[in-house]
Protein backbone atom coordinates (compact mmCIF):
# COMPACT_ATOMS: atom_id res chain seq x y z
CA UNK A 1 -8.61 -29.63 -19.26
CA UNK A 2 -11.69 -30.93 -17.60
CA UNK A 3 -14.93 -29.10 -18.67
CA UNK A 4 -16.37 -28.73 -15.31
CA UNK A 5 -13.12 -26.81 -13.92
CA UNK A 6 -13.65 -23.19 -13.23
CA UNK A 7 -10.75 -20.96 -11.84
CA UNK A 8 -13.37 -19.31 -9.55
CA UNK A 9 -13.69 -22.37 -7.35
CA UNK A 10 -11.58 -25.06 -6.10
CA UNK A 11 -9.72 -24.94 -2.61
CA UNK A 12 -6.27 -25.92 -4.20
CA UNK A 13 -4.54 -25.51 -0.82
CA UNK A 14 -6.67 -28.61 0.61
CA UNK A 15 -5.75 -30.83 -2.67
CA UNK A 16 -2.30 -32.62 -3.03
CA UNK A 17 0.11 -31.87 -5.56
CA UNK A 18 -0.88 -35.03 -7.89
CA UNK A 19 -4.56 -33.89 -7.94
CA UNK A 20 -3.81 -30.40 -8.68
CA UNK A 21 -1.61 -31.51 -11.60
CA UNK A 22 -4.37 -33.84 -12.94
CA UNK A 23 -7.11 -31.31 -12.53
CA UNK A 24 -5.18 -28.65 -14.41
CA UNK A 25 -3.83 -30.89 -16.91
CA UNK A 26 -0.29 -29.76 -16.82
CA UNK A 27 3.02 -31.26 -16.38
CA UNK A 28 5.68 -30.16 -13.77
CA UNK A 29 8.62 -30.99 -16.04
CA UNK A 30 7.33 -29.69 -19.48
CA UNK A 31 4.69 -27.34 -18.51
CA UNK A 32 2.01 -26.45 -21.20
CA UNK A 33 2.19 -26.81 -24.79
CA UNK A 34 1.46 -23.90 -27.22
CA UNK A 35 -1.85 -25.36 -28.21
CA UNK A 36 -3.02 -25.85 -24.46
CA UNK A 37 -1.75 -21.85 -24.03
CA UNK A 38 -3.73 -20.68 -26.93
CA UNK A 39 -7.04 -22.73 -25.84
CA UNK A 40 -6.88 -21.72 -22.39
CA UNK A 41 -6.03 -17.86 -23.24
CA UNK A 42 -9.17 -17.83 -25.43
CA UNK A 43 -11.12 -19.57 -22.77
CA UNK A 44 -9.83 -17.51 -19.48
CA UNK A 45 -8.58 -14.00 -21.24
CA UNK A 46 -5.47 -12.31 -20.45
CA UNK A 47 -3.98 -12.11 -16.78
CA UNK A 48 -4.72 -8.60 -15.78
CA UNK A 49 -7.30 -6.83 -13.69
CA UNK A 50 -10.39 -5.44 -15.49
CA UNK A 51 -9.95 -1.88 -16.41
CA UNK A 52 -12.82 0.18 -15.51
CA UNK A 53 -14.29 2.50 -18.19
CA UNK A 54 -12.64 5.90 -17.95
CA UNK A 55 -15.20 8.83 -17.46
CA UNK A 56 -14.50 11.49 -20.34
CA UNK A 57 -13.02 14.69 -19.38
CA UNK A 58 -16.03 16.71 -20.67
CA UNK A 59 -18.34 14.61 -18.20
CA UNK A 60 -16.24 15.32 -15.42
CA UNK A 61 -16.07 19.06 -16.32
CA UNK A 62 -19.65 19.12 -16.41
CA UNK A 63 -19.86 17.19 -13.10
CA UNK A 64 -18.51 20.29 -11.27
CA UNK A 65 -21.55 22.18 -11.95
CA UNK A 66 -23.98 19.56 -10.16
CA UNK A 67 -24.92 22.10 -7.45
CA UNK A 68 -28.17 23.82 -6.94
CA UNK A 69 -26.68 27.17 -6.45
CA UNK A 70 -25.00 26.57 -9.86
CA UNK A 71 -28.36 25.79 -11.31
CA UNK A 72 -30.19 29.01 -10.08
CA UNK A 73 -27.09 31.11 -11.36
CA UNK A 74 -27.26 29.55 -14.75
CA UNK A 75 -31.07 30.17 -14.87
CA UNK A 76 -30.47 33.76 -14.22
CA UNK A 77 -27.73 33.91 -16.82
CA UNK A 78 -30.28 32.67 -19.47
CA UNK A 79 -33.02 35.01 -18.47
CA UNK A 80 -30.55 38.11 -18.35
CA UNK A 81 -29.21 36.97 -21.90
CA UNK A 82 -32.79 36.89 -23.15
CA UNK A 83 -33.34 40.27 -22.03
CA UNK A 84 -30.22 41.56 -23.60
CA UNK A 85 -28.26 42.30 -20.46
CA UNK A 86 -24.99 40.42 -21.56
CA UNK A 87 -22.69 42.12 -19.09
CA UNK A 88 -24.70 40.46 -16.34
CA UNK A 89 -24.80 37.12 -18.28
CA UNK A 90 -21.07 37.12 -18.73
CA UNK A 91 -20.38 38.17 -15.11
CA UNK A 92 -22.60 34.97 -13.95
CA UNK A 93 -21.11 32.57 -16.33
CA UNK A 94 -17.61 33.43 -15.52
CA UNK A 95 -18.24 32.88 -11.81
CA UNK A 96 -19.85 29.20 -12.55
CA UNK A 97 -16.86 28.40 -14.77
CA UNK A 98 -14.10 29.39 -12.68
CA UNK A 99 -15.64 27.37 -9.75
CA UNK A 100 -15.91 24.38 -12.18
CA UNK A 101 -12.26 24.91 -13.30
CA UNK A 102 -10.86 24.68 -9.60
CA UNK A 103 -12.61 21.24 -9.28
CA UNK A 104 -11.62 19.91 -12.73
CA UNK A 105 -8.05 20.88 -12.49
CA UNK A 106 -7.53 19.18 -8.99
CA UNK A 107 -9.24 15.98 -9.89
CA UNK A 108 -7.20 15.74 -13.24
CA UNK A 109 -3.98 16.05 -11.02
CA UNK A 110 -5.12 12.99 -8.78
CA UNK A 111 -5.96 11.11 -11.59
CA UNK A 112 -2.53 11.37 -13.17
CA UNK A 113 -1.24 10.70 -9.93
CA UNK A 114 -3.02 7.36 -9.56
CA UNK A 115 -2.24 6.14 -13.00
CA UNK A 116 1.54 6.50 -12.08
CA UNK A 117 0.90 3.91 -9.01
CA UNK A 118 -0.95 1.41 -11.02
CA UNK A 119 1.98 -1.09 -11.18
CA UNK A 120 0.52 -3.93 -8.86
CA UNK A 121 1.03 -6.58 -11.37
CA UNK A 122 4.26 -8.03 -12.19
CA UNK A 123 5.74 -7.14 -15.66
CA UNK A 124 7.60 -10.64 -16.29
CA UNK A 125 7.17 -14.23 -15.39
CA UNK A 126 9.75 -17.13 -15.43
CA UNK A 127 7.88 -20.10 -16.82
CA UNK A 128 8.18 -23.64 -18.20
CA UNK A 129 6.54 -24.38 -21.54
CA UNK A 130 7.06 -27.06 -23.95
CA UNK A 131 9.88 -28.45 -21.71
CA UNK A 132 12.01 -25.04 -21.90
CA UNK A 133 12.22 -22.25 -19.29
CA UNK A 134 11.24 -19.02 -20.74
CA UNK A 135 10.49 -15.59 -19.66
CA UNK A 136 7.19 -14.03 -20.63
CA UNK A 137 4.83 -11.08 -19.97
CA UNK A 138 2.66 -11.84 -17.02
CA UNK A 139 -0.24 -11.07 -18.91
CA UNK A 140 0.44 -14.14 -21.15
CA UNK A 141 0.04 -16.51 -18.14
CA UNK A 142 -2.76 -18.78 -18.27
CA UNK A 143 -4.29 -21.24 -15.99
CA UNK A 144 -1.87 -24.52 -15.46
CA UNK A 145 1.39 -22.59 -16.14
CA UNK A 146 4.34 -23.78 -14.26
CA UNK A 147 6.14 -20.77 -12.88
CA UNK A 148 9.43 -20.42 -10.99
CA UNK A 149 9.67 -18.07 -8.14
CA UNK A 150 13.05 -16.29 -7.04
CA UNK A 151 13.97 -13.60 -4.41
CA UNK A 152 12.83 -10.31 -5.51
CA UNK A 153 10.12 -11.52 -7.83
CA UNK A 154 6.58 -10.50 -7.71
CA UNK A 155 4.21 -13.35 -7.95
CA UNK A 156 2.36 -12.94 -11.30
CA UNK A 157 -0.74 -14.99 -10.51
CA UNK A 158 -2.23 -17.13 -7.66
CA UNK A 159 -0.65 -20.41 -7.67
CA UNK A 160 -0.59 -23.66 -5.89
CA UNK A 161 3.15 -24.43 -4.67
CA UNK A 162 4.65 -27.61 -5.68
CA UNK A 163 8.15 -27.09 -4.74
CA UNK A 164 9.75 -24.69 -1.87
CA UNK A 165 13.14 -24.16 -0.74
CA UNK A 166 13.47 -21.98 2.28
CA UNK A 167 10.62 -19.71 0.39
CA UNK A 168 9.51 -16.69 2.00
CA UNK A 169 6.53 -14.39 0.57
CA UNK A 170 5.67 -10.89 1.73
CA UNK A 171 1.71 -10.82 1.67
CA UNK A 172 1.24 -7.72 3.54
CA UNK A 173 -0.88 -6.24 0.79
CA UNK A 174 -3.50 -9.17 1.41
CA UNK A 175 -2.92 -9.99 5.14
CA UNK A 176 -1.35 -6.78 6.57
CA UNK A 177 1.43 -8.86 8.21
CA UNK A 178 4.91 -7.12 7.83
CA UNK A 179 6.87 -10.68 8.47
CA UNK A 180 7.21 -12.84 5.37
CA UNK A 181 5.02 -16.01 5.25
CA UNK A 182 7.17 -19.22 5.34
CA UNK A 183 5.87 -21.36 2.44
CA UNK A 184 5.68 -25.05 2.27
CA UNK A 185 3.85 -27.68 -0.14
CA UNK A 186 2.12 -29.82 2.21
CA UNK A 187 -1.81 -30.28 1.79
CA UNK A 188 -3.68 -28.28 4.30
CA UNK A 189 -7.11 -28.69 5.84
CA UNK A 190 -10.39 -27.27 4.19
CA UNK A 191 -11.58 -23.87 5.23
CA UNK A 192 -8.08 -22.36 6.06
CA UNK A 193 -8.39 -18.74 5.98
CA UNK A 194 -6.21 -16.70 3.49
CA UNK A 195 -3.59 -15.85 5.89
CA UNK A 196 -2.91 -19.67 6.76
CA UNK A 197 -2.76 -20.85 3.18
CA UNK A 198 0.91 -21.64 3.36
CA UNK A 199 1.05 -23.79 0.31
CA UNK A 200 -0.41 -21.05 -1.93
CA UNK A 201 1.44 -18.10 -3.56
CA UNK A 202 -0.71 -14.90 -4.44
CA UNK A 203 -0.39 -12.54 -7.07
CA UNK A 204 1.37 -9.14 -6.47
CA UNK A 205 3.07 -10.58 -3.19
CA UNK A 206 6.91 -10.49 -3.31
CA UNK A 207 9.17 -13.27 -2.70
CA UNK A 208 11.56 -11.90 -0.15
CA UNK A 209 13.75 -15.19 0.15
CA UNK A 210 14.13 -18.80 -1.22
CA UNK A 211 13.00 -20.21 -4.27
CA UNK A 212 9.66 -22.13 -5.40
CA UNK A 213 7.75 -23.68 -8.29
CA UNK A 214 4.11 -23.27 -8.71
CA UNK A 215 0.95 -23.92 -10.79
CA UNK A 216 -1.06 -21.27 -11.67
CA UNK A 217 -4.55 -21.80 -10.49
CA UNK A 218 -6.17 -18.36 -11.04
CA UNK A 219 -5.42 -15.39 -13.32
CA UNK A 220 -6.93 -11.74 -13.45
CA UNK A 221 -10.06 -10.98 -11.94
CA UNK A 222 -10.45 -14.51 -10.27
CA UNK A 223 -7.13 -14.13 -8.16
CA UNK A 224 -7.51 -12.83 -4.58
CA UNK A 225 -6.43 -9.48 -5.63
CA UNK A 226 -8.89 -9.27 -8.35
CA UNK A 227 -11.63 -10.33 -5.83
CA UNK A 228 -10.84 -7.43 -3.80
CA UNK A 229 -10.74 -5.09 -6.86
CA UNK A 230 -14.38 -6.48 -7.60
CA UNK A 231 -15.46 -5.65 -4.06
CA UNK A 232 -13.95 -2.23 -4.41
CA UNK A 233 -15.67 -1.56 -7.75
CA UNK A 234 -19.15 -3.04 -6.10
CA UNK A 235 -19.06 -0.43 -3.34
CA UNK A 236 -22.05 1.93 -3.75
CA UNK A 237 -21.19 5.55 -4.05
CA UNK A 238 -22.18 7.52 -1.00
CA UNK A 239 -22.55 11.56 -0.52
CA UNK A 240 -20.06 13.03 1.67
CA UNK A 241 -21.37 14.90 4.78
CA UNK A 242 -20.11 18.41 3.29
CA UNK A 243 -22.07 17.63 -0.04
CA UNK A 244 -25.11 16.68 1.98
CA UNK A 245 -25.07 19.90 4.00
CA UNK A 246 -24.14 22.02 1.09
CA UNK A 247 -27.03 20.63 -0.72
CA UNK A 248 -29.41 21.07 2.02
CA UNK A 249 -28.25 24.72 2.32
CA UNK A 250 -28.45 25.38 -1.32
CA UNK A 251 -31.83 23.90 -1.55
CA UNK A 252 -33.09 26.16 1.24
CA UNK A 253 -31.41 29.28 -0.03
CA UNK A 254 -32.82 28.68 -3.60
CA UNK A 255 -36.45 28.06 -2.29
CA UNK A 256 -36.41 31.15 0.03
CA UNK A 257 -34.80 33.37 -2.69
CA UNK A 258 -37.15 32.13 -5.53
CA UNK A 259 -40.12 32.38 -3.22
CA UNK A 260 -39.13 36.02 -2.41
CA UNK A 261 -38.41 36.76 -5.86
CA UNK A 262 -42.02 35.87 -7.01
CA UNK A 263 -43.58 37.66 -4.12
CA UNK A 264 -41.68 40.74 -5.14
CA UNK A 265 -42.52 40.35 -8.78
CA UNK A 266 -46.42 39.78 -7.96
CA UNK A 267 -46.30 42.87 -5.50
CA UNK A 268 -44.69 45.20 -8.29
CA UNK A 269 -47.03 43.92 -11.23
CA UNK A 270 -50.18 44.11 -9.24
CA UNK A 271 -49.90 46.86 -6.71
CA UNK A 272 -47.22 49.36 -8.30
CA UNK A 273 -47.82 48.93 -12.15
CA UNK A 274 -43.98 48.80 -13.01
CA UNK A 275 -43.24 47.97 -16.52
CA UNK A 276 -43.13 44.22 -16.98
CA UNK A 277 -39.47 44.14 -18.46
CA UNK A 278 -38.09 46.40 -15.83
CA UNK A 279 -39.54 44.76 -13.09
CA UNK A 280 -38.59 41.31 -14.30
CA UNK A 281 -34.87 42.55 -14.61
CA UNK A 282 -35.19 44.08 -11.02
CA UNK A 283 -36.20 40.77 -9.67
CA UNK A 284 -33.69 38.93 -11.53
CA UNK A 285 -31.05 41.42 -10.10
CA UNK A 286 -32.33 40.93 -6.50
CA UNK A 287 -32.12 37.03 -6.75
CA UNK A 288 -28.78 36.96 -8.30
CA UNK A 289 -27.32 39.48 -5.43
CA UNK A 290 -29.03 37.29 -2.98
CA UNK A 291 -27.62 33.96 -4.12
CA UNK A 292 -24.19 33.36 -2.61
CA UNK A 293 -22.72 32.43 -5.93
CA UNK A 294 -19.14 32.66 -4.28
CA UNK A 295 -20.17 29.71 -1.82
CA UNK A 296 -19.28 26.92 -4.30
CA UNK A 297 -16.00 28.65 -5.41
CA UNK A 298 -14.97 29.49 -1.97
CA UNK A 299 -15.67 25.69 -0.84
CA UNK A 300 -13.62 24.49 -3.77
CA UNK A 301 -10.63 26.81 -3.06
CA UNK A 302 -10.74 25.64 0.55
CA UNK A 303 -10.70 22.08 -0.29
CA UNK A 304 -8.17 22.45 -2.92
CA UNK A 305 -5.97 23.89 -0.58
CA UNK A 306 -6.55 21.14 1.83
CA UNK A 307 -5.98 18.59 -1.06
CA UNK A 308 -2.46 20.54 -1.76
CA UNK A 309 -1.69 20.10 1.91
CA UNK A 310 -2.30 16.38 1.80
CA UNK A 311 -0.15 16.13 -1.35
CA UNK A 312 2.69 17.56 0.31
CA UNK A 313 2.48 14.70 3.02
CA UNK A 314 2.37 12.04 0.09
CA UNK A 315 -1.26 11.62 0.20
CA UNK A 316 -3.32 11.58 -3.17
CA UNK A 317 -6.90 12.78 -2.97
CA UNK A 318 -8.95 12.16 -6.04
CA UNK A 319 -12.17 14.16 -5.17
CA UNK A 320 -11.99 17.53 -3.16
CA UNK A 321 -14.80 16.84 -0.75
CA UNK A 322 -13.01 13.61 0.47
CA UNK A 323 -10.54 16.11 2.26
CA UNK A 324 -13.33 17.46 4.51
CA UNK A 325 -14.47 13.77 5.20
CA UNK A 326 -11.06 12.66 6.20
CA UNK A 327 -10.86 15.90 8.31
CA UNK A 328 -13.93 14.60 10.30
CA UNK A 329 -12.47 11.42 11.23
CA UNK A 330 -11.70 11.23 14.95
CA UNK A 331 -11.07 7.36 15.30
CA UNK A 332 -9.56 4.79 13.09
CA UNK A 333 -10.22 1.21 13.78
CA UNK A 334 -7.57 -1.25 12.43
CA UNK A 335 -6.84 -4.98 13.15
CA UNK A 336 -3.67 -5.27 10.99
CA UNK A 337 -0.21 -3.95 11.79
CA UNK A 338 0.47 -2.95 8.05
CA UNK A 339 -2.36 -0.53 7.90
CA UNK A 340 -0.71 1.99 10.07
CA UNK A 341 2.80 1.43 9.24
CA UNK A 342 5.06 1.65 6.17
CA UNK A 343 5.88 -2.25 6.11
CA UNK A 344 9.46 -1.45 6.82
CA UNK A 345 11.60 -3.00 9.95
CA UNK A 346 14.35 -0.77 11.75
CA UNK A 347 16.52 -1.78 14.50
CA UNK A 348 16.12 0.90 17.23
CA UNK A 349 18.01 -0.71 20.22
CA UNK A 350 20.81 -3.12 20.57
CA UNK A 351 21.67 -4.54 23.88
CA UNK A 352 24.92 -6.05 24.96
CA UNK A 353 25.85 -7.19 28.53
CA UNK A 354 27.49 -3.83 29.41
CA UNK A 355 25.20 -1.32 27.58
CA UNK A 356 21.86 -0.65 25.77
CA UNK A 357 22.56 1.43 22.72
CA UNK A 358 19.87 3.54 20.91
CA UNK A 359 19.76 3.93 16.93
CA UNK A 360 18.44 6.66 15.13
CA UNK A 361 16.69 6.65 11.55
CA UNK A 362 14.03 5.06 10.08
CA UNK A 363 13.51 2.22 7.48
CA UNK A 364 16.07 0.91 5.31
CA UNK A 365 18.16 4.29 4.65
CA UNK A 366 21.54 3.83 6.10
CA UNK A 367 21.28 7.38 7.52
CA UNK A 368 21.39 7.37 11.35
CA UNK A 369 23.65 6.94 14.25
CA UNK A 370 24.46 4.52 17.11
CA UNK A 371 23.91 6.36 20.60
CA UNK A 372 24.91 5.73 24.09
CA UNK A 373 23.26 7.99 26.80
CA UNK A 374 22.22 10.42 23.87
CA UNK A 375 25.75 10.82 22.43
CA UNK A 376 27.11 9.36 19.20
CA UNK A 377 29.58 6.43 19.57
CA UNK A 378 32.30 4.68 17.47
CA UNK A 379 31.32 1.29 16.98
CA UNK A 380 34.87 -0.01 16.31
CA UNK A 381 36.07 1.20 19.91
CA UNK A 382 33.54 -1.28 21.30
CA UNK A 383 34.83 -5.00 20.58
CA UNK A 384 31.56 -6.71 21.83
CA UNK A 385 29.49 -4.28 19.84
CA UNK A 386 31.29 -4.44 16.71
CA UNK A 387 31.65 -8.35 16.70
CA UNK A 388 27.90 -8.13 17.11
CA UNK A 389 27.37 -6.03 14.23
CA UNK A 390 29.70 -7.88 12.21
CA UNK A 391 27.68 -10.99 12.79
CA UNK A 392 24.42 -9.19 11.29
CA UNK A 393 26.48 -8.43 8.08
CA UNK A 394 28.14 -11.77 7.64
CA UNK A 395 25.40 -13.95 8.82
CA UNK A 396 22.86 -12.25 6.19
CA UNK A 397 21.55 -13.08 2.76
CA UNK A 398 19.74 -9.55 2.30
CA UNK A 399 20.91 -6.48 0.49
CA UNK A 400 19.61 -2.99 0.47
CA UNK A 401 19.73 -0.64 -2.52
CA UNK A 402 17.83 2.32 -4.08
CA UNK A 403 15.11 2.21 -6.38
CA UNK A 404 14.59 4.34 -9.52
CA UNK A 405 12.69 7.08 -7.16
CA UNK A 406 15.63 7.15 -5.00
CA UNK A 407 13.98 5.15 -1.98
CA UNK A 408 16.01 2.64 0.05
CA UNK A 409 14.41 -0.74 -0.42
CA UNK A 410 15.40 -4.32 0.77
CA UNK A 411 15.97 -7.50 -1.37
CA UNK A 412 15.30 -10.35 0.77
CA UNK A 413 14.17 -10.86 4.37
CA UNK A 414 12.95 -7.47 6.03
CA UNK A 415 14.53 -8.25 9.10
CA UNK A 416 17.93 -9.15 7.54
CA UNK A 417 17.51 -5.86 5.83
CA UNK A 418 17.14 -4.12 8.96
CA UNK A 419 20.34 -5.74 10.30
CA UNK A 420 22.12 -4.78 7.14
CA UNK A 421 20.95 -1.02 7.66
CA UNK A 422 22.52 -1.00 11.11
CA UNK A 423 25.94 -2.40 9.94
CA UNK A 424 25.91 0.53 7.52
CA UNK A 425 24.96 3.14 10.12
CA UNK A 426 27.93 1.55 12.27
CA UNK A 427 30.36 2.41 9.63
CA UNK A 428 32.66 -0.46 10.92
CA UNK A 429 36.30 -0.78 9.16
CA UNK A 430 36.25 -3.13 6.42
CA UNK A 431 37.30 -6.79 7.41
CA UNK A 432 38.88 -9.40 4.73
CA UNK A 433 36.24 -12.04 5.47
CA UNK A 434 34.98 -14.87 3.19
CA UNK A 435 32.26 -17.21 3.76
CA UNK A 436 33.15 -20.68 3.69
CA UNK A 437 29.70 -22.41 4.37
CA UNK A 438 26.15 -21.54 5.49
CA UNK A 439 23.35 -23.14 7.34
CA UNK A 440 20.30 -21.24 6.05
CA UNK A 441 17.53 -20.06 8.33
CA UNK A 442 14.77 -22.41 8.55
CA UNK A 443 11.43 -21.83 10.69
CA UNK A 444 11.99 -25.53 12.11
CA UNK A 445 15.24 -24.54 13.97
CA UNK A 446 14.89 -20.91 13.83
CA UNK A 447 18.53 -19.76 13.41
CA UNK A 448 21.02 -19.24 10.64
CA UNK A 449 24.79 -19.83 10.85
CA UNK A 450 27.70 -19.05 8.48
CA UNK A 451 31.38 -20.23 8.72
CA UNK A 452 33.67 -17.39 7.65
CA UNK A 453 37.49 -17.12 7.06
CA UNK A 454 38.83 -13.89 8.88
CA UNK A 455 42.77 -13.81 8.17
CA UNK A 456 44.00 -17.03 9.47
CA UNK A 457 40.97 -17.66 11.95
CA UNK A 458 37.92 -19.29 11.09
CA UNK A 459 34.79 -18.11 12.89
CA UNK A 460 31.05 -19.24 12.93
CA UNK A 461 28.46 -16.45 13.36
CA UNK A 462 24.88 -17.57 14.35
CA UNK A 463 21.77 -15.22 14.62
CA UNK A 464 18.27 -16.49 15.47
CA UNK A 465 15.41 -16.62 17.77
CA UNK A 466 16.29 -15.89 21.52
CA UNK A 467 14.27 -18.95 22.70
CA UNK A 468 16.43 -21.21 20.57
CA UNK A 469 19.93 -19.57 20.98
CA UNK A 470 19.90 -18.60 24.54
CA UNK A 471 19.64 -22.16 25.68
CA UNK A 472 22.93 -23.20 24.01
CA UNK A 473 25.01 -20.47 25.30
CA UNK A 474 27.18 -21.09 28.47
CA UNK A 475 29.50 -18.17 28.34
CA UNK A 476 29.44 -14.41 27.17
CA UNK A 477 32.05 -11.99 26.65
CA UNK A 478 31.76 -8.18 28.20
CA UNK A 479 34.26 -5.60 29.18
CA UNK A 480 35.37 -7.73 31.91
CA UNK A 481 36.27 -10.54 29.65
CA UNK A 482 34.63 -14.08 29.20
CA UNK A 483 32.02 -14.65 31.95
CA UNK A 484 29.38 -17.31 32.83
CA UNK A 485 26.30 -16.74 30.77
CA UNK A 486 23.63 -14.66 32.77
CA UNK A 487 20.38 -15.92 31.52
CA UNK A 488 18.33 -13.82 33.87
CA UNK A 489 19.81 -10.69 32.55
CA UNK A 490 19.07 -11.47 28.84
CA UNK A 491 15.45 -12.43 29.85
CA UNK A 492 14.88 -9.31 31.85
CA UNK A 493 16.30 -7.27 28.58
CA UNK A 494 14.02 -9.18 26.23
CA UNK A 495 11.05 -8.36 28.42
CA UNK A 496 12.06 -4.61 28.68
CA UNK A 497 12.72 -4.15 25.33
CA UNK A 498 9.42 -5.61 24.24
CA UNK A 499 7.38 -3.49 26.66
CA UNK A 500 9.16 -0.43 25.26
CA UNK A 501 8.23 -1.25 21.76
CA UNK A 502 4.75 -1.86 22.59
CA UNK A 503 4.42 1.49 24.41
CA UNK A 504 6.06 3.05 21.15
CA UNK A 505 3.35 1.41 18.90
CA UNK A 506 0.57 2.91 21.27
CA UNK A 507 2.07 6.33 21.08
CA UNK A 508 2.35 5.87 17.22
CA UNK A 509 -1.54 4.94 17.07
CA UNK A 510 -2.57 7.82 19.31
CA UNK A 511 -0.86 10.25 16.90
CA UNK A 512 -2.55 8.78 13.92
CA UNK A 513 -6.09 8.97 15.58
CA UNK A 514 -5.80 12.44 17.00
CA UNK A 515 -7.70 14.81 14.63
CA UNK A 516 -5.51 17.34 13.12
CA UNK A 517 -6.48 20.57 11.09
CA UNK A 518 -5.62 20.28 7.47
């Protein structure tokens, strides 16, 4: 490998495949040799995000006492202990310990929850090394490795694509776009933004369809995901508004209480001639009584309740004060669709020439019904509707299934997954259908077609973009039979449906940004 090469630089998307292969000193047919892998692993390290040094449990527990009111209580506890009033000392110490335990236990729960979701990087990768295809741990990947991509794979590192067969990669974690990106291998212009680098595959994104072959250009901290991780790590810590207000209140109260205590002590010592020990104990008792020692505990309890309520809504809060900060938010500004949505697609409306059907349910779960005027219908009783939904099933390469946690997920294109879910909700009678031939979807012609054998008939099912398909239609079927195609009707329905979906999105955002009590 060339000595001046560094995985931190190099706009690989703007270089042709031959140049990339030469720069990285690899071979598309045989991959890297064992010696090359060993040398590059020593040079670049393992393919993994750098782990932040964990704060010890002791330090996290002690941090709960970082409060000026607690400091005053601890000083009072020390003085009462010196004077031999151990009952008072124990009571004061118990108050501070209970306060600290509440915050510590809640932070511990949040830390464990976060550990369970740190699975961003792929566990395995299919590579070509020494002329052989093999499966390795993704952490063993290095720069120059030749990686094969298949549907359902997580991309294990940043790579320049050298082969693409109808390859689509879901990149919402980087770009926020819910629709998978169509990948190709052509060289792009310089200064292309991340979302337009169609000849690159980025770590932790998911292959939703097609196959591909890529050469690893960056691993670990040098990937796009690694750069985001570094930006987050470099973000300076800031104090929340609640902590600022509490610190200001605590400082004011402490100064006033200590000032009054000193004045009382001086008055009793110089003007009333009380015994010094008795006077000191009385002043300490006055100070401890005046200190709102329950304030930190009450705040922690209230915030802990807020955190528990957030947890019930599947939101993990690591630090208790963050709950109050989140509750103070009145406006959320976002420029990406994936920020406010679950990155799932769902069929909500089905339009035929005779009717407009509504579909209940969300996500890829097949729990839902097809409704007409608010009443559930049997799809098999409507020939046009059943044929349409059958088309969605037969002209489709996606599947839906449950993951280990019992959540429904799609294997393949999200749009096709939504159509499969609609088919499952329709609960149509099984048909003996055999797929004979397929024209896969391509962004150039924007449709997919399949030839199937149903009994003694052969049928072609086609699905795709309206702007491509409608121009090829001359007749349509409705309840009255075969009729001339009504282009005006379908253009009107496309417009009305799009407007309805936009209105729903606006209502969704309004619900998100409306402040709600925790």
